[in-house]
C-alpha atoms as a PDB file:
ATOM      1  CA  MET A   1    -102.936 -73.194-125.104  1.00  0.00           C
ATOM      2  CA  ALA A   2    -100.457 -73.641-127.895  1.00  0.00           C
ATOM      3  CA  ASN A   3     -99.386 -70.713-130.001  1.00  0.00           C
ATOM      4  CA  LEU A   4    -101.857 -69.897-132.748  1.00  0.00           C
ATOM      5  CA  PRO A   5    -100.795 -68.883-136.257  1.00  0.00           C
ATOM      6  CA  GLN A   6    -101.346 -65.208-137.001  1.00  0.00           C
ATOM      7  CA  ASP A   7    -103.974 -66.112-139.612  1.00  0.00           C
ATOM      8  CA  ASN A   8    -106.075 -67.744-136.893  1.00  0.00           C
ATOM      9  CA  LEU A   9    -105.963 -64.581-134.814  1.00  0.00           C
ATOM     10  CA  GLU A  10    -107.157 -62.183-137.509  1.00  0.00           C
ATOM     11  CA  ILE A  11    -110.806 -62.690-136.589  1.00  0.00           C
ATOM     12  CA  TYR A  12    -109.941 -61.580-133.046  1.00  0.00           C
ATOM     13  CA  LEU A  13    -108.301 -58.397-134.323  1.00  0.00           C
ATOM     14  CA  SER A  14    -110.980 -57.271-136.758  1.00  0.00           C
ATOM     15  CA  PRO A  15    -113.670 -54.708-135.898  1.00  0.00           C
ATOM     16  CA  THR A  16    -117.325 -55.732-135.917  1.00  0.00           C
ATOM     17  CA  SER A  17    -120.589 -53.877-135.591  1.00  0.00           C
ATOM     18  CA  PHE A  18    -120.612 -54.563-131.844  1.00  0.00           C
ATOM     19  CA  ILE A  19    -116.873 -54.568-131.152  1.00  0.00           C
ATOM     20  CA  ASP A  20    -116.256 -51.411-133.184  1.00  0.00           C
ATOM     21  CA  SER A  21    -112.531 -51.140-132.556  1.00  0.00           C
ATOM     22  CA  ASP A  22    -112.232 -48.930-135.651  1.00  0.00           C
ATOM     23  CA  SER A  23    -114.316 -46.205-133.996  1.00  0.00           C
ATOM     24  CA  PRO A  24    -112.259 -42.993-133.615  1.00  0.00           C
ATOM     25  CA  GLY A  25    -113.454 -42.649-130.034  1.00  0.00           C
ATOM     26  CA  VAL A  26    -112.438 -46.179-129.110  1.00  0.00           C
ATOM     27  CA  ILE A  27    -109.045 -45.788-130.794  1.00  0.00           C
ATOM     28  CA  LYS A  28    -108.387 -42.525-128.937  1.00  0.00           C
ATOM     29  CA  PHE A  29    -109.501 -44.042-125.633  1.00  0.00           C
ATOM     30  CA  ALA A  30    -107.284 -47.095-126.090  1.00  0.00           C
ATOM     31  CA  GLU A  31    -104.229 -45.098-127.097  1.00  0.00           C
ATOM     32  CA  GLN A  32    -104.633 -42.629-124.251  1.00  0.00           C
ATOM     33  CA  CYS A  33    -105.063 -45.422-121.721  1.00  0.00           C
ATOM     34  CA  ALA A  34    -102.049 -47.325-123.043  1.00  0.00           C
ATOM     35  CA  ASP A  35    -100.027 -44.128-122.731  1.00  0.00           C
ATOM     36  CA  ASN A  36     -96.346 -44.945-123.248  1.00  0.00           C
ATOM     37  CA  ALA A  37     -96.619 -48.686-122.650  1.00  0.00           C
ATOM     38  CA  LYS A  38     -94.494 -50.584-125.159  1.00  0.00           C
ATOM     39  CA  PHE A  39     -95.524 -54.182-124.578  1.00  0.00           C
ATOM     40  CA  ARG A  40     -98.914 -55.783-125.158  1.00  0.00           C
ATOM     41  CA  ILE A  41     -99.190 -57.106-121.632  1.00  0.00           C
ATOM     42  CA  ASP A  42     -98.623 -53.620-120.178  1.00  0.00           C
ATOM     43  CA  LYS A  43    -101.147 -52.116-122.572  1.00  0.00           C
ATOM     44  CA  SER A  44    -103.692 -54.776-121.650  1.00  0.00           C
ATOM     45  CA  ILE A  45    -103.325 -53.963-117.957  1.00  0.00           C
ATOM     46  CA  LYS A  46    -103.826 -50.261-118.527  1.00  0.00           C
ATOM     47  CA  ILE A  47    -106.970 -50.643-120.629  1.00  0.00           C
ATOM     48  CA  PHE A  48    -108.402 -53.184-118.188  1.00  0.00           C
ATOM     49  CA  TYR A  49    -108.247 -50.748-115.284  1.00  0.00           C
ATOM     50  CA  ALA A  50    -109.514 -47.908-117.440  1.00  0.00           C
ATOM     51  CA  VAL A  51    -112.619 -49.877-118.430  1.00  0.00           C
ATOM     52  CA  ARG A  52    -113.084 -51.287-114.931  1.00  0.00           C
ATOM     53  CA  ASP A  53    -113.004 -47.941-113.150  1.00  0.00           C
ATOM     54  CA  GLN A  54    -113.865 -45.244-115.684  1.00  0.00           C
ATOM     55  CA  ILE A  55    -117.029 -46.985-116.890  1.00  0.00           C
ATOM     56  CA  ARG A  56    -119.545 -47.257-114.046  1.00  0.00           C
ATOM     57  CA  TYR A  57    -121.220 -50.632-113.676  1.00  0.00           C
ATOM     58  CA  ASP A  58    -124.979 -50.333-114.226  1.00  0.00           C
ATOM     59  CA  PRO A  59    -127.142 -53.494-114.398  1.00  0.00           C
ATOM     60  CA  TYR A  60    -130.399 -51.541-114.171  1.00  0.00           C
ATOM     61  CA  HIS A  61    -130.538 -50.197-117.730  1.00  0.00           C
ATOM     62  CA  ILE A  62    -130.013 -52.852-120.372  1.00  0.00           C
ATOM     63  CA  GLU A  63    -130.708 -52.365-124.061  1.00  0.00           C
ATOM     64  CA  LEU A  64    -130.427 -55.340-126.376  1.00  0.00           C
ATOM     65  CA  SER A  65    -131.184 -53.622-129.686  1.00  0.00           C
ATOM     66  CA  PRO A  66    -128.327 -54.179-132.172  1.00  0.00           C
ATOM     67  CA  ASP A  67    -128.065 -50.518-133.173  1.00  0.00           C
ATOM     68  CA  LYS A  68    -127.283 -49.458-129.613  1.00  0.00           C
ATOM     69  CA  PHE A  69    -125.126 -52.387-128.529  1.00  0.00           C
ATOM     70  CA  LYS A  70    -121.696 -50.999-129.418  1.00  0.00           C
ATOM     71  CA  ALA A  71    -118.419 -50.530-127.616  1.00  0.00           C
ATOM     72  CA  SER A  72    -118.265 -46.910-128.758  1.00  0.00           C
ATOM     73  CA  ARG A  73    -121.682 -46.253-127.229  1.00  0.00           C
ATOM     74  CA  VAL A  74    -120.582 -47.730-123.903  1.00  0.00           C
ATOM     75  CA  LEU A  75    -117.596 -45.389-123.980  1.00  0.00           C
ATOM     76  CA  ALA A  76    -119.790 -42.394-124.782  1.00  0.00           C
ATOM     77  CA  GLN A  77    -122.302 -43.073-122.003  1.00  0.00           C
ATOM     78  CA  GLN A  78    -119.581 -43.968-119.455  1.00  0.00           C
ATOM     79  CA  THR A  79    -121.771 -46.683-117.935  1.00  0.00           C
ATOM     80  CA  GLY A  80    -122.527 -50.289-118.785  1.00  0.00           C
ATOM     81  CA  TRP A  81    -123.415 -53.725-117.498  1.00  0.00           C
ATOM     82  CA  CYS A  82    -121.011 -56.646-117.675  1.00  0.00           C
ATOM     83  CA  VAL A  83    -121.487 -57.471-121.370  1.00  0.00           C
ATOM     84  CA  GLU A  84    -121.198 -53.840-122.428  1.00  0.00           C
ATOM     85  CA  LYS A  85    -118.004 -53.309-120.454  1.00  0.00           C
ATOM     86  CA  ALA A  86    -116.591 -56.522-121.917  1.00  0.00           C
ATOM     87  CA  LEU A  87    -117.374 -55.177-125.393  1.00  0.00           C
ATOM     88  CA  LEU A  88    -115.446 -51.993-124.716  1.00  0.00           C
ATOM     89  CA  LEU A  89    -112.425 -53.810-123.307  1.00  0.00           C
ATOM     90  CA  ALA A  90    -112.383 -56.146-126.305  1.00  0.00           C
ATOM     91  CA  ALA A  91    -112.629 -53.203-128.694  1.00  0.00           C
ATOM     92  CA  ALA A  92    -109.859 -51.275-126.939  1.00  0.00           C
ATOM     93  CA  ALA A  93    -107.637 -54.348-127.080  1.00  0.00           C
ATOM     94  CA  ARG A  94    -108.203 -54.829-130.808  1.00  0.00           C
ATOM     95  CA  ALA A  95    -107.543 -51.135-131.390  1.00  0.00           C
ATOM     96  CA  LEU A  96    -104.092 -51.699-129.868  1.00  0.00           C
ATOM     97  CA  GLY A  97    -103.407 -54.848-131.874  1.00  0.00           C
ATOM     98  CA  ILE A  98    -104.175 -57.235-129.018  1.00  0.00           C
ATOM     99  CA  PRO A  99    -106.356 -60.196-130.090  1.00  0.00           C
ATOM    100  CA  SER A 100    -109.516 -60.301-128.009  1.00  0.00           C
ATOM    101  CA  ARG A 101    -112.801 -62.160-127.750  1.00  0.00           C
ATOM    102  CA  LEU A 102    -115.839 -62.381-125.488  1.00  0.00           C
ATOM    103  CA  GLY A 103    -116.480 -65.051-122.899  1.00  0.00           C
ATOM    104  CA  PHE A 104    -119.786 -65.868-121.201  1.00  0.00           C
ATOM    105  CA  ALA A 105    -120.877 -67.763-118.121  1.00  0.00           C
ATOM    106  CA  ASP A 106    -123.931 -68.089-115.901  1.00  0.00           C
ATOM    107  CA  ILE A 107    -123.109 -66.917-112.395  1.00  0.00           C
ATOM    108  CA  ARG A 108    -124.941 -66.725-109.099  1.00  0.00           C
ATOM    109  CA  ASN A 109    -124.412 -63.547-107.092  1.00  0.00           C
ATOM    110  CA  HIS A 110    -125.073 -64.445-103.471  1.00  0.00           C
ATOM    111  CA  LEU A 111    -124.754 -60.778-102.469  1.00  0.00           C
ATOM    112  CA  VAL A 112    -126.947 -59.236-105.176  1.00  0.00           C
ATOM    113  CA  PRO A 113    -128.742 -56.096-103.875  1.00  0.00           C
ATOM    114  CA  GLU A 114    -132.356 -56.764-102.932  1.00  0.00           C
ATOM    115  CA  SER A 115    -133.608 -54.106-105.360  1.00  0.00           C
ATOM    116  CA  LEU A 116    -131.957 -55.873-108.302  1.00  0.00           C
ATOM    117  CA  LYS A 117    -132.943 -59.313-107.048  1.00  0.00           C
ATOM    118  CA  LYS A 118    -136.566 -58.163-106.823  1.00  0.00           C
ATOM    119  CA  THR A 119    -136.465 -56.937-110.418  1.00  0.00           C
ATOM    120  CA  MET A 120    -134.728 -60.035-111.764  1.00  0.00           C
ATOM    121  CA  LYS A 121    -136.683 -62.430-109.513  1.00  0.00           C
ATOM    122  CA  THR A 122    -133.482 -64.431-109.087  1.00  0.00           C
ATOM    123  CA  ASP A 123    -129.839 -64.127-108.106  1.00  0.00           C
ATOM    124  CA  LEU A 124    -128.780 -65.996-111.250  1.00  0.00           C
ATOM    125  CA  PHE A 125    -127.118 -63.855-113.907  1.00  0.00           C
ATOM    126  CA  VAL A 126    -127.210 -65.704-117.232  1.00  0.00           C
ATOM    127  CA  PHE A 127    -124.673 -64.904-119.928  1.00  0.00           C
ATOM    128  CA  HIS A 128    -122.479 -62.804-117.679  1.00  0.00           C
ATOM    129  CA  GLY A 129    -119.883 -61.342-120.014  1.00  0.00           C
ATOM    130  CA  TYR A 130    -116.138 -60.855-119.720  1.00  0.00           C
ATOM    131  CA  THR A 131    -113.204 -60.348-122.092  1.00  0.00           C
ATOM    132  CA  GLU A 132    -110.373 -62.653-123.077  1.00  0.00           C
ATOM    133  CA  MET A 133    -107.105 -61.297-124.462  1.00  0.00           C
ATOM    134  CA  PHE A 134    -104.389 -63.319-126.208  1.00  0.00           C
ATOM    135  CA  LEU A 135    -101.190 -62.567-124.294  1.00  0.00           C
ATOM    136  CA  ASN A 136     -97.936 -64.524-124.246  1.00  0.00           C
ATOM    137  CA  ASP A 137     -99.420 -67.246-126.453  1.00  0.00           C
ATOM    138  CA  ARG A 138    -102.508 -67.944-124.351  1.00  0.00           C
ATOM    139  CA  TRP A 139    -105.986 -66.577-123.713  1.00  0.00           C
ATOM    140  CA  ILE A 140    -106.321 -64.677-120.423  1.00  0.00           C
ATOM    141  CA  LYS A 141    -109.717 -63.859-118.910  1.00  0.00           C
ATOM    142  CA  ALA A 142    -110.359 -60.295-117.793  1.00  0.00           C
ATOM    143  CA  THR A 143    -113.546 -59.314-115.947  1.00  0.00           C
ATOM    144  CA  PRO A 144    -113.919 -55.507-115.837  1.00  0.00           C
ATOM    145  CA  ALA A 145    -117.556 -55.344-114.664  1.00  0.00           C
ATOM    146  CA  PHE A 146    -117.393 -54.108-111.052  1.00  0.00           C
ATOM    147  CA  ASP A 147    -115.742 -50.693-110.779  1.00  0.00           C
ATOM    148  CA  LEU A 148    -113.596 -49.880-107.759  1.00  0.00           C
ATOM    149  CA  SER A 149    -116.068 -47.429-106.237  1.00  0.00           C
ATOM    150  CA  LEU A 150    -118.785 -50.102-106.297  1.00  0.00           C
ATOM    151  CA  CYS A 151    -116.446 -52.607-104.669  1.00  0.00           C
ATOM    152  CA  LYS A 152    -115.633 -50.182-101.872  1.00  0.00           C
ATOM    153  CA  ARG A 153    -119.294 -49.343-101.327  1.00  0.00           C
ATOM    154  CA  PHE A 154    -120.322 -52.986-100.946  1.00  0.00           C
ATOM    155  CA  ASP A 155    -117.062 -54.165 -99.340  1.00  0.00           C
ATOM    156  CA  ILE A 156    -116.342 -56.717-102.047  1.00  0.00           C
ATOM    157  CA  VAL A 157    -112.947 -57.709-103.414  1.00  0.00           C
ATOM    158  CA  PRO A 158    -112.175 -55.978-106.731  1.00  0.00           C
ATOM    159  CA  VAL A 159    -110.951 -58.045-109.663  1.00  0.00           C
ATOM    160  CA  GLU A 160    -107.279 -57.353-110.358  1.00  0.00           C
ATOM    161  CA  PHE A 161    -105.557 -58.063-113.669  1.00  0.00           C
ATOM    162  CA  ASN A 162    -101.850 -58.643-114.308  1.00  0.00           C
ATOM    163  CA  GLY A 163    -102.010 -60.014-117.843  1.00  0.00           C
ATOM    164  CA  GLU A 164    -100.701 -63.410-116.733  1.00  0.00           C
ATOM    165  CA  LYS A 165    -103.516 -65.022-114.735  1.00  0.00           C
ATOM    166  CA  ASP A 166    -107.260 -65.181-115.325  1.00  0.00           C
ATOM    167  CA  ALA A 167    -109.013 -62.285-113.615  1.00  0.00           C
ATOM    168  CA  VAL A 168    -112.485 -63.504-112.636  1.00  0.00           C
ATOM    169  CA  PHE A 169    -114.943 -62.699-109.859  1.00  0.00           C
ATOM    170  CA  HIS A 170    -114.031 -63.759-106.342  1.00  0.00           C
ATOM    171  CA  LYS A 171    -115.878 -66.520-104.511  1.00  0.00           C
ATOM    172  CA  PHE A 172    -116.059 -64.528-101.271  1.00  0.00           C
ATOM    173  CA  ASP A 173    -116.279 -60.919-100.135  1.00  0.00           C
ATOM    174  CA  ARG A 174    -113.878 -59.306 -97.651  1.00  0.00           C
ATOM    175  CA  LYS A 175    -115.862 -60.653 -94.699  1.00  0.00           C
ATOM    176  CA  GLY A 176    -115.772 -64.226 -95.961  1.00  0.00           C
ATOM    177  CA  ASN A 177    -119.369 -64.258 -97.176  1.00  0.00           C
ATOM    178  CA  LYS A 178    -120.051 -66.315-100.286  1.00  0.00           C
ATOM    179  CA  HIS A 179    -120.167 -63.951-103.270  1.00  0.00           C
ATOM    180  CA  ILE A 180    -119.903 -65.174-106.883  1.00  0.00           C
ATOM    181  CA  GLU A 181    -120.492 -68.765-107.923  1.00  0.00           C
ATOM    182  CA  TYR A 182    -119.774 -69.806-111.510  1.00  0.00           C
ATOM    183  CA  ILE A 183    -122.505 -72.161-112.720  1.00  0.00           C
ATOM    184  CA  THR A 184    -122.228 -72.704-116.494  1.00  0.00           C
ATOM    185  CA  ASP A 185    -119.490 -71.841-118.989  1.00  0.00           C
ATOM    186  CA  HIS A 186    -120.885 -70.851-122.387  1.00  0.00           C
ATOM    187  CA  GLY A 187    -117.524 -70.582-124.085  1.00  0.00           C
ATOM    188  CA  SER A 188    -115.848 -67.849-126.112  1.00  0.00           C
ATOM    189  CA  PHE A 189    -116.933 -65.859-129.157  1.00  0.00           C
ATOM    190  CA  ALA A 190    -115.187 -63.652-131.695  1.00  0.00           C
ATOM    191  CA  ASP A 191    -118.256 -61.414-131.757  1.00  0.00           C
ATOM    192  CA  LEU A 192    -121.307 -60.775-129.622  1.00  0.00           C
ATOM    193  CA  PRO A 193    -123.884 -63.632-129.897  1.00  0.00           C
ATOM    194  CA  LEU A 194    -126.773 -61.200-129.396  1.00  0.00           C
ATOM    195  CA  GLU A 195    -129.573 -63.427-130.700  1.00  0.00           C
ATOM    196  CA  ARG A 196    -128.513 -66.194-128.349  1.00  0.00           C
ATOM    197  CA  ILE A 197    -128.350 -63.789-125.405  1.00  0.00           C
ATOM    198  CA  VAL A 198    -131.819 -62.407-126.119  1.00  0.00           C
ATOM    199  CA  ALA A 199    -133.250 -65.923-126.380  1.00  0.00           C
ATOM    200  CA  VAL A 200    -131.752 -66.917-123.037  1.00  0.00           C
ATOM    201  CA  PHE A 201    -132.915 -63.684-121.397  1.00  0.00           C
ATOM    202  CA  ARG A 202    -136.452 -64.338-122.615  1.00  0.00           C
ATOM    203  CA  LYS A 203    -136.325 -67.744-120.961  1.00  0.00           C
ATOM    204  CA  TYR A 204    -134.890 -66.700-117.611  1.00  0.00           C
ATOM    205  CA  TYR A 205    -136.222 -63.124-117.343  1.00  0.00           C
ATOM    206  CA  PRO A 206    -139.631 -63.147-119.073  1.00  0.00           C
ATOM    207  CA  GLN A 207    -140.765 -60.180-116.976  1.00  0.00           C
ATOM    208  CA  PHE A 208    -138.417 -57.963-118.974  1.00  0.00           C
ATOM    209  CA  PHE A 209    -140.337 -58.676-122.168  1.00  0.00           C
ATOM    210  CA  ASP A 210    -143.969 -58.625-121.004  1.00  0.00           C
ATOM    211  CA  GLY A 211    -144.675 -54.907-121.190  1.00  0.00           C
ATOM    212  CA  THR A 212    -144.702 -54.341-117.421  1.00  0.00           C
ATOM    213  CA  GLU A 213    -142.770 -51.759-115.459  1.00  0.00           C
ATOM    214  CA  ALA A 214    -139.890 -54.227-115.098  1.00  0.00           C
ATOM    215  CA  ALA A 215    -139.706 -54.457-118.869  1.00  0.00           C
ATOM    216  CA  GLY A 216    -138.784 -50.799-118.976  1.00  0.00           C
ATOM    217  CA  LYS A 217    -135.467 -51.647-117.388  1.00  0.00           C
ATOM    218  CA  LEU A 218    -134.575 -53.849-120.329  1.00  0.00           C
ATOM    219  CA  LYS A 219    -135.245 -52.536-123.819  1.00  0.00           C
ATOM    220  CA  ASN A 220    -135.351 -54.761-126.865  1.00  0.00           C
END
């Protein structure tokens, strides 16, 4: 992608209600993770691994209410599902002056645990979220969802990030079994498209909104 004028990047540097990069907690987290790194690319690598491994991946407790969907809240609770972890990485990036945005795609997890598959009634994860950071004049994808401990437990290949190449889920696990399949690309957003996500969730996961026990796992 060609270099973008600074004016065009301002929207990707500004805090929002969801990507609250002006939160004192987020600022402190970002600065501590960046440590003494001088260059943006080095800072981006440090915050990626901090979000990937310090925030435990949890797809079993999802809350879609706007007042609770914040990067600072993800940091405080130290757990999150893919969209929440993407929010925190985007917020940490903006706090360090690195333009960031959110990307979304529908993916099929061929190795999804049976307990989660039973709850979801599918292995299709709609609106899987990741982060994109603007580094060296181009947008780079960074997927911090699966923490290292989870990867070791299920023997899957962790996503690594070097700030130069897109870091997305792997197609296969360590044993060569089919793992993640990207189905639909929903594009990139300067802020969280929550209403759109809720609408899609209602379509694909109606059981989460019908008042049953499964609905308790997803609060709206």
